[in-house]
Amino acid sequence: MTYSLAPEVSATDTDDGGMVLLHEATGRYWLLNRTGAAVVRLLRAGSGPAEITDRLAAPFPEQRERVAADVDALVASLVGARLVTP
């Protein structure tokens, strides 16, 4: 499954490698750290959660299950907040 930013959401990179997502209809924003921003960038590039997990967990194979749970939780939160759409 592929994901994209919702039409009413804008994204801006921060100086520290993170990202700010603004839901223009509600005025709410999310500040993502580097890892969260990487997840959003990879989603926007067409990667799914499993691919993202593989990429982020590559340097830490012993942590793959934790990475998968974190990626899944972030994607679910982003979808739930109507920031990204499947």
PDB file of N, CA and C in Angstrom:
ATOM      1  N   MET A   1       0.846  -1.170   0.000  1.00  0.00           N
ATOM      2  CA  MET A   1       0.000   0.000   0.000  1.00  0.00           C
ATOM      3  C   MET A   1       0.895   1.237   0.000  1.00  0.00           C
ATOM      4  N   THR A   2       0.509   2.230  -0.777  1.00  0.00           N
ATOM      5  CA  THR A   2       1.265   3.477  -0.811  1.00  0.00           C
ATOM      6  C   THR A   2       0.487   4.569  -0.078  1.00  0.00           C
ATOM      7  N   TYR A   3       1.215   5.553   0.384  1.00  0.00           N
ATOM      8  CA  TYR A   3       0.637   6.646   1.144  1.00  0.00           C
ATOM      9  C   TYR A   3       1.082   7.972   0.536  1.00  0.00           C
ATOM     10  N   SER A   4       0.277   9.000   0.767  1.00  0.00           N
ATOM     11  CA  SER A   4       0.660  10.349   0.352  1.00  0.00           C
ATOM     12  C   SER A   4       0.170  11.330   1.407  1.00  0.00           C
ATOM     13  N   LEU A   5       0.740  12.528   1.382  1.00  0.00           N
ATOM     14  CA  LEU A   5       0.235  13.562   2.272  1.00  0.00           C
ATOM     15  C   LEU A   5      -1.182  13.904   1.860  1.00  0.00           C
ATOM     16  N   ALA A   6      -2.019  14.165   2.820  1.00  0.00           N
ATOM     17  CA  ALA A   6      -3.376  14.618   2.517  1.00  0.00           C
ATOM     18  C   ALA A   6      -3.270  15.957   1.788  1.00  0.00           C
ATOM     19  N   PRO A   7      -4.230  16.252   0.912  1.00  0.00           N
ATOM     20  CA  PRO A   7      -4.148  17.486   0.117  1.00  0.00           C
ATOM     21  C   PRO A   7      -4.042  18.763   0.951  1.00  0.00           C
ATOM     22  N   GLU A   8      -4.619  18.777   2.143  1.00  0.00           N
ATOM     23  CA  GLU A   8      -4.589  19.973   2.975  1.00  0.00           C
ATOM     24  C   GLU A   8      -3.424  20.001   3.960  1.00  0.00           C
ATOM     25  N   VAL A   9      -2.413  19.148   3.715  1.00  0.00           N
ATOM     26  CA  VAL A   9      -1.248  19.075   4.602  1.00  0.00           C
ATOM     27  C   VAL A   9      -0.015  19.557   3.859  1.00  0.00           C
ATOM     28  N   SER A  10       0.740  20.417   4.523  1.00  0.00           N
ATOM     29  CA  SER A  10       2.019  20.853   3.958  1.00  0.00           C
ATOM     30  C   SER A  10       3.136  20.377   4.878  1.00  0.00           C
ATOM     31  N   ALA A  11       4.297  20.134   4.275  1.00  0.00           N
ATOM     32  CA  ALA A  11       5.455  19.634   5.008  1.00  0.00           C
ATOM     33  C   ALA A  11       6.627  20.582   4.809  1.00  0.00           C
ATOM     34  N   THR A  12       7.349  20.818   5.896  1.00  0.00           N
ATOM     35  CA  THR A  12       8.535  21.657   5.849  1.00  0.00           C
ATOM     36  C   THR A  12       9.637  20.971   6.641  1.00  0.00           C
ATOM     37  N   ASP A  13      10.808  20.871   6.035  1.00  0.00           N
ATOM     38  CA  ASP A  13      11.953  20.296   6.731  1.00  0.00           C
ATOM     39  C   ASP A  13      12.475  21.282   7.770  1.00  0.00           C
ATOM     40  N   THR A  14      13.003  20.753   8.860  1.00  0.00           N
ATOM     41  CA  THR A  14      13.617  21.587   9.890  1.00  0.00           C
ATOM     42  C   THR A  14      15.128  21.499   9.766  1.00  0.00           C
ATOM     43  N   ASP A  15      15.823  22.431  10.393  1.00  0.00           N
ATOM     44  CA  ASP A  15      17.277  22.488  10.300  1.00  0.00           C
ATOM     45  C   ASP A  15      17.960  21.254  10.887  1.00  0.00           C
ATOM     46  N   ASP A  16      17.303  20.583  11.819  1.00  0.00           N
ATOM     47  CA  ASP A  16      17.924  19.423  12.461  1.00  0.00           C
ATOM     48  C   ASP A  16      17.587  18.099  11.779  1.00  0.00           C
ATOM     49  N   GLY A  17      16.994  18.142  10.586  1.00  0.00           N
ATOM     50  CA  GLY A  17      16.666  16.911   9.860  1.00  0.00           C
ATOM     51  C   GLY A  17      15.269  16.407  10.118  1.00  0.00           C
ATOM     52  N   GLY A  18      14.541  17.088  10.984  1.00  0.00           N
ATOM     53  CA  GLY A  18      13.164  16.703  11.256  1.00  0.00           C
ATOM     54  C   GLY A  18      12.222  17.316  10.230  1.00  0.00           C
ATOM     55  N   MET A  19      10.964  17.380  10.594  1.00  0.00           N
ATOM     56  CA  MET A  19       9.949  17.880   9.674  1.00  0.00           C
ATOM     57  C   MET A  19       8.757  18.386  10.473  1.00  0.00           C
ATOM     58  N   VAL A  20       8.111  19.415   9.943  1.00  0.00           N
ATOM     59  CA  VAL A  20       6.856  19.909  10.508  1.00  0.00           C
ATOM     60  C   VAL A  20       5.765  19.635   9.489  1.00  0.00           C
ATOM     61  N   LEU A  21       4.678  19.017   9.944  1.00  0.00           N
ATOM     62  CA  LEU A  21       3.502  18.795   9.114  1.00  0.00           C
ATOM     63  C   LEU A  21       2.402  19.719   9.625  1.00  0.00           C
ATOM     64  N   LEU A  22       1.810  20.487   8.724  1.00  0.00           N
ATOM     65  CA  LEU A  22       0.730  21.401   9.089  1.00  0.00           C
ATOM     66  C   LEU A  22      -0.536  20.976   8.376  1.00  0.00           C
ATOM     67  N   HIS A  23      -1.575  20.713   9.154  1.00  0.00           N
ATOM     68  CA  HIS A  23      -2.891  20.421   8.594  1.00  0.00           C
ATOM     69  C   HIS A  23      -3.588  21.761   8.464  1.00  0.00           C
ATOM     70  N   GLU A  24      -3.628  22.294   7.257  1.00  0.00           N
ATOM     71  CA  GLU A  24      -4.096  23.659   7.037  1.00  0.00           C
ATOM     72  C   GLU A  24      -5.570  23.855   7.378  1.00  0.00           C
ATOM     73  N   ALA A  25      -6.372  22.815   7.266  1.00  0.00           N
ATOM     74  CA  ALA A  25      -7.794  22.942   7.568  1.00  0.00           C
ATOM     75  C   ALA A  25      -8.047  23.085   9.072  1.00  0.00           C
ATOM     76  N   THR A  26      -7.233  22.437   9.884  1.00  0.00           N
ATOM     77  CA  THR A  26      -7.440  22.476  11.335  1.00  0.00           C
ATOM     78  C   THR A  26      -6.481  23.427  12.039  1.00  0.00           C
ATOM     79  N   GLY A  27      -5.374  23.773  11.384  1.00  0.00           N
ATOM     80  CA  GLY A  27      -4.362  24.617  12.007  1.00  0.00           C
ATOM     81  C   GLY A  27      -3.449  23.870  12.956  1.00  0.00           C
ATOM     82  N   ARG A  28      -3.630  22.580  13.057  1.00  0.00           N
ATOM     83  CA  ARG A  28      -2.775  21.763  13.936  1.00  0.00           C
ATOM     84  C   ARG A  28      -1.514  21.374  13.195  1.00  0.00           C
ATOM     85  N   TYR A  29      -0.437  21.250  13.941  1.00  0.00           N
ATOM     86  CA  TYR A  29       0.812  20.817  13.326  1.00  0.00           C
ATOM     87  C   TYR A  29       1.479  19.742  14.162  1.00  0.00           C
ATOM     88  N   TRP A  30       2.314  18.978  13.489  1.00  0.00           N
ATOM     89  CA  TRP A  30       3.094  17.922  14.125  1.00  0.00           C
ATOM     90  C   TRP A  30       4.559  18.206  13.867  1.00  0.00           C
ATOM     91  N   LEU A  31       5.374  18.074  14.889  1.00  0.00           N
ATOM     92  CA  LEU A  31       6.816  18.196  14.751  1.00  0.00           C
ATOM     93  C   LEU A  31       7.402  16.795  14.833  1.00  0.00           C
ATOM     94  N   LEU A  32       8.052  16.377  13.760  1.00  0.00           N
ATOM     95  CA  LEU A  32       8.636  15.040  13.699  1.00  0.00           C
ATOM     96  C   LEU A  32      10.143  15.126  13.873  1.00  0.00           C
ATOM     97  N   ASN A  33      10.697  14.174  14.612  1.00  0.00           N
ATOM     98  CA  ASN A  33      12.147  14.102  14.726  1.00  0.00           C
ATOM     99  C   ASN A  33      12.721  13.507  13.436  1.00  0.00           C
ATOM    100  N   ARG A  34      14.018  13.291  13.401  1.00  0.00           N
ATOM    101  CA  ARG A  34      14.663  12.770  12.176  1.00  0.00           C
ATOM    102  C   ARG A  34      14.065  11.454  11.718  1.00  0.00           C
ATOM    103  N   THR A  35      13.831  10.560  12.656  1.00  0.00           N
ATOM    104  CA  THR A  35      13.311   9.247  12.277  1.00  0.00           C
ATOM    105  C   THR A  35      11.876   9.360  11.761  1.00  0.00           C
ATOM    106  N   GLY A  36      11.052  10.131  12.436  1.00  0.00           N
ATOM    107  CA  GLY A  36       9.687  10.341  11.963  1.00  0.00           C
ATOM    108  C   GLY A  36       9.669  10.993  10.591  1.00  0.00           C
ATOM    109  N   ALA A  37      10.562  11.966  10.396  1.00  0.00           N
ATOM    110  CA  ALA A  37      10.660  12.632   9.095  1.00  0.00           C
ATOM    111  C   ALA A  37      11.110  11.647   8.021  1.00  0.00           C
ATOM    112  N   ALA A  38      12.037  10.766   8.367  1.00  0.00           N
ATOM    113  CA  ALA A  38      12.490   9.754   7.401  1.00  0.00           C
ATOM    114  C   ALA A  38      11.327   8.855   6.992  1.00  0.00           C
ATOM    115  N   VAL A  39      10.489   8.482   7.956  1.00  0.00           N
ATOM    116  CA  VAL A  39       9.328   7.648   7.648  1.00  0.00           C
ATOM    117  C   VAL A  39       8.410   8.377   6.672  1.00  0.00           C
ATOM    118  N   VAL A  40       8.125   9.639   6.932  1.00  0.00           N
ATOM    119  CA  VAL A  40       7.235  10.401   6.044  1.00  0.00           C
ATOM    120  C   VAL A  40       7.855  10.561   4.665  1.00  0.00           C
ATOM    121  N   ARG A  41       9.143  10.850   4.604  1.00  0.00           N
ATOM    122  CA  ARG A  41       9.813  10.994   3.298  1.00  0.00           C
ATOM    123  C   ARG A  41       9.731   9.691   2.502  1.00  0.00           C
ATOM    124  N   LEU A  42       9.955   8.585   3.185  1.00  0.00           N
ATOM    125  CA  LEU A  42       9.905   7.287   2.500  1.00  0.00           C
ATOM    126  C   LEU A  42       8.473   6.945   2.080  1.00  0.00           C
ATOM    127  N   LEU A  43       7.488   7.291   2.900  1.00  0.00           N
ATOM    128  CA  LEU A  43       6.090   7.092   2.501  1.00  0.00           C
ATOM    129  C   LEU A  43       5.787   7.888   1.239  1.00  0.00           C
ATOM    130  N   ARG A  44       6.221   9.145   1.223  1.00  0.00           N
ATOM    131  CA  ARG A  44       5.968  10.013   0.071  1.00  0.00           C
ATOM    132  C   ARG A  44       6.684   9.519  -1.183  1.00  0.00           C
ATOM    133  N   ALA A  45       7.779   8.803  -0.988  1.00  0.00           N
ATOM    134  CA  ALA A  45       8.535   8.266  -2.121  1.00  0.00           C
ATOM    135  C   ALA A  45       7.960   6.945  -2.626  1.00  0.00           C
ATOM    136  N   GLY A  46       6.905   6.455  -1.967  1.00  0.00           N
ATOM    137  CA  GLY A  46       6.248   5.245  -2.442  1.00  0.00           C
ATOM    138  C   GLY A  46       6.558   3.983  -1.661  1.00  0.00           C
ATOM    139  N   SER A  47       7.372   4.089  -0.617  1.00  0.00           N
ATOM    140  CA  SER A  47       7.674   2.913   0.211  1.00  0.00           C
ATOM    141  C   SER A  47       6.527   2.635   1.158  1.00  0.00           C
ATOM    142  N   GLY A  48       6.294   1.365   1.423  1.00  0.00           N
ATOM    143  CA  GLY A  48       5.297   0.972   2.409  1.00  0.00           C
ATOM    144  C   GLY A  48       5.958   0.731   3.756  1.00  0.00           C
ATOM    145  N   PRO A  49       5.168   0.523   4.796  1.00  0.00           N
ATOM    146  CA  PRO A  49       5.722   0.311   6.132  1.00  0.00           C
ATOM    147  C   PRO A  49       6.746  -0.824   6.221  1.00  0.00           C
ATOM    148  N   ALA A  50       6.530  -1.930   5.518  1.00  0.00           N
ATOM    149  CA  ALA A  50       7.494  -3.041   5.585  1.00  0.00           C
ATOM    150  C   ALA A  50       8.834  -2.640   4.986  1.00  0.00           C
ATOM    151  N   GLU A  51       8.804  -1.944   3.861  1.00  0.00           N
ATOM    152  CA  GLU A  51      10.039  -1.463   3.233  1.00  0.00           C
ATOM    153  C   GLU A  51      10.765  -0.466   4.133  1.00  0.00           C
ATOM    154  N   ILE A  52       9.997   0.415   4.732  1.00  0.00           N
ATOM    155  CA  ILE A  52      10.584   1.412   5.625  1.00  0.00           C
ATOM    156  C   ILE A  52      11.236   0.728   6.817  1.00  0.00           C
ATOM    157  N   THR A  53      10.547  -0.259   7.372  1.00  0.00           N
ATOM    158  CA  THR A  53      11.108  -1.016   8.485  1.00  0.00           C
ATOM    159  C   THR A  53      12.423  -1.665   8.079  1.00  0.00           C
ATOM    160  N   ASP A  54      12.454  -2.304   6.916  1.00  0.00           N
ATOM    161  CA  ASP A  54      13.684  -2.947   6.446  1.00  0.00           C
ATOM    162  C   ASP A  54      14.825  -1.946   6.370  1.00  0.00           C
ATOM    163  N   ARG A  55      14.526  -0.782   5.834  1.00  0.00           N
ATOM    164  CA  ARG A  55      15.573   0.226   5.658  1.00  0.00           C
ATOM    165  C   ARG A  55      16.071   0.763   7.005  1.00  0.00           C
ATOM    166  N   LEU A  56      15.134   1.108   7.884  1.00  0.00           N
ATOM    167  CA  LEU A  56      15.538   1.674   9.168  1.00  0.00           C
ATOM    168  C   LEU A  56      16.179   0.653  10.100  1.00  0.00           C
ATOM    169  N   ALA A  57      15.776  -0.602   9.973  1.00  0.00           N
ATOM    170  CA  ALA A  57      16.305  -1.638  10.864  1.00  0.00           C
ATOM    171  C   ALA A  57      17.597  -2.264  10.355  1.00  0.00           C
ATOM    172  N   ALA A  58      17.992  -1.959   9.127  1.00  0.00           N
ATOM    173  CA  ALA A  58      19.190  -2.586   8.552  1.00  0.00           C
ATOM    174  C   ALA A  58      20.416  -2.474   9.459  1.00  0.00           C
ATOM    175  N   PRO A  59      20.705  -1.317  10.041  1.00  0.00           N
ATOM    176  CA  PRO A  59      21.879  -1.243  10.916  1.00  0.00           C
ATOM    177  C   PRO A  59      21.675  -1.901  12.281  1.00  0.00           C
ATOM    178  N   PHE A  60      20.431  -2.217  12.617  1.00  0.00           N
ATOM    179  CA  PHE A  60      20.096  -2.771  13.933  1.00  0.00           C
ATOM    180  C   PHE A  60      19.188  -3.984  13.790  1.00  0.00           C
ATOM    181  N   PRO A  61      19.655  -5.060  13.167  1.00  0.00           N
ATOM    182  CA  PRO A  61      18.764  -6.204  12.903  1.00  0.00           C
ATOM    183  C   PRO A  61      18.132  -6.800  14.161  1.00  0.00           C
ATOM    184  N   GLU A  62      18.812  -6.692  15.280  1.00  0.00           N
ATOM    185  CA  GLU A  62      18.258  -7.237  16.519  1.00  0.00           C
ATOM    186  C   GLU A  62      17.063  -6.417  17.018  1.00  0.00           C
ATOM    187  N   GLN A  63      16.880  -5.225  16.478  1.00  0.00           N
ATOM    188  CA  GLN A  63      15.785  -4.346  16.880  1.00  0.00           C
ATOM    189  C   GLN A  63      14.646  -4.291  15.850  1.00  0.00           C
ATOM    190  N   ARG A  64      14.657  -5.208  14.878  1.00  0.00           N
ATOM    191  CA  ARG A  64      13.694  -5.143  13.781  1.00  0.00           C
ATOM    192  C   ARG A  64      12.243  -5.118  14.268  1.00  0.00           C
ATOM    193  N   GLU A  65      11.904  -5.959  15.239  1.00  0.00           N
ATOM    194  CA  GLU A  65      10.523  -5.998  15.728  1.00  0.00           C
ATOM    195  C   GLU A  65      10.121  -4.662  16.348  1.00  0.00           C
ATOM    196  N   ARG A  66      11.021  -4.060  17.092  1.00  0.00           N
ATOM    197  CA  ARG A  66      10.747  -2.752  17.720  1.00  0.00           C
ATOM    198  C   ARG A  66      10.572  -1.678  16.650  1.00  0.00           C
ATOM    199  N   VAL A  67      11.453  -1.696  15.638  1.00  0.00           N
ATOM    200  CA  VAL A  67      11.349  -0.721  14.550  1.00  0.00           C
ATOM    201  C   VAL A  67      10.015  -0.894  13.823  1.00  0.00           C
ATOM    202  N   ALA A  68       9.638  -2.123  13.533  1.00  0.00           N
ATOM    203  CA  ALA A  68       8.375  -2.395  12.839  1.00  0.00           C
ATOM    204  C   ALA A  68       7.194  -1.861  13.643  1.00  0.00           C
ATOM    205  N   ALA A  69       7.197  -2.098  14.946  1.00  0.00           N
ATOM    206  CA  ALA A  69       6.109  -1.614  15.798  1.00  0.00           C
ATOM    207  C   ALA A  69       6.062  -0.087  15.805  1.00  0.00           C
ATOM    208  N   ASP A  70       7.227   0.542  15.863  1.00  0.00           N
ATOM    209  CA  ASP A  70       7.274   2.007  15.877  1.00  0.00           C
ATOM    210  C   ASP A  70       6.816   2.595  14.546  1.00  0.00           C
ATOM    211  N   VAL A  71       7.249   2.011  13.437  1.00  0.00           N
ATOM    212  CA  VAL A  71       6.827   2.493  12.114  1.00  0.00           C
ATOM    213  C   VAL A  71       5.322   2.322  11.963  1.00  0.00           C
ATOM    214  N   ASP A  72       4.802   1.164  12.319  1.00  0.00           N
ATOM    215  CA  ASP A  72       3.363   0.918  12.217  1.00  0.00           C
ATOM    216  C   ASP A  72       2.566   1.897  13.081  1.00  0.00           C
ATOM    217  N   ALA A  73       3.054   2.163  14.294  1.00  0.00           N
ATOM    218  CA  ALA A  73       2.355   3.086  15.191  1.00  0.00           C
ATOM    219  C   ALA A  73       2.367   4.507  14.631  1.00  0.00           C
ATOM    220  N   LEU A  74       3.506   4.933  14.084  1.00  0.00           N
ATOM    221  CA  LEU A  74       3.578   6.280  13.517  1.00  0.00           C
ATOM    222  C   LEU A  74       2.658   6.405  12.310  1.00  0.00           C
ATOM    223  N   VAL A  75       2.684   5.430  11.422  1.00  0.00           N
ATOM    224  CA  VAL A  75       1.823   5.486  10.240  1.00  0.00           C
ATOM    225  C   VAL A  75       0.354   5.514  10.660  1.00  0.00           C
ATOM    226  N   ALA A  76      -0.016   4.703  11.624  1.00  0.00           N
ATOM    227  CA  ALA A  76      -1.401   4.699  12.110  1.00  0.00           C
ATOM    228  C   ALA A  76      -1.774   6.054  12.705  1.00  0.00           C
ATOM    229  N   SER A  77      -0.865   6.674  13.433  1.00  0.00           N
ATOM    230  CA  SER A  77      -1.123   7.994  14.007  1.00  0.00           C
ATOM    231  C   SER A  77      -1.282   9.053  12.928  1.00  0.00           C
ATOM    232  N   LEU A  78      -0.435   8.990  11.912  1.00  0.00           N
ATOM    233  CA  LEU A  78      -0.502   9.953  10.813  1.00  0.00           C
ATOM    234  C   LEU A  78      -1.810   9.805  10.040  1.00  0.00           C
ATOM    235  N   VAL A  79      -2.230   8.573   9.808  1.00  0.00           N
ATOM    236  CA  VAL A  79      -3.501   8.318   9.122  1.00  0.00           C
ATOM    237  C   VAL A  79      -4.657   8.786  10.000  1.00  0.00           C
ATOM    238  N   GLY A  80      -4.594   8.454  11.280  1.00  0.00           N
ATOM    239  CA  GLY A  80      -5.651   8.844  12.214  1.00  0.00           C
ATOM    240  C   GLY A  80      -5.808  10.358  12.341  1.00  0.00           C
ATOM    241  N   ALA A  81      -4.700  11.079  12.206  1.00  0.00           N
ATOM    242  CA  ALA A  81      -4.747  12.546  12.276  1.00  0.00           C
ATOM    243  C   ALA A  81      -5.054  13.173  10.918  1.00  0.00           C
ATOM    244  N   ARG A  82      -5.303  12.340   9.937  1.00  0.00           N
ATOM    245  CA  ARG A  82      -5.619  12.779   8.571  1.00  0.00           C
ATOM    246  C   ARG A  82      -4.475  13.595   7.935  1.00  0.00           C
ATOM    247  N   LEU A  83      -3.243  13.225   8.313  1.00  0.00           N
ATOM    248  CA  LEU A  83      -2.071  13.867   7.728  1.00  0.00           C
ATOM    249  C   LEU A  83      -1.601  13.135   6.481  1.00  0.00           C
ATOM    250  N   VAL A  84      -1.733  11.818   6.490  1.00  0.00           N
ATOM    251  CA  VAL A  84      -1.429  11.015   5.306  1.00  0.00           C
ATOM    252  C   VAL A  84      -2.637  10.164   4.972  1.00  0.00           C
ATOM    253  N   THR A  85      -2.736   9.808   3.698  1.00  0.00           N
ATOM    254  CA  THR A  85      -3.839   8.975   3.242  1.00  0.00           C
ATOM    255  C   THR A  85      -3.284   7.776   2.500  1.00  0.00           C
ATOM    256  N   PRO A  86      -3.903   6.623   2.709  1.00  0.00           N
ATOM    257  CA  PRO A  86      -3.461   5.431   1.943  1.00  0.00           C
ATOM    258  C   PRO A  86      -3.909   5.519   0.501  1.00  0.00           C
TER     259      PRO A  86
END
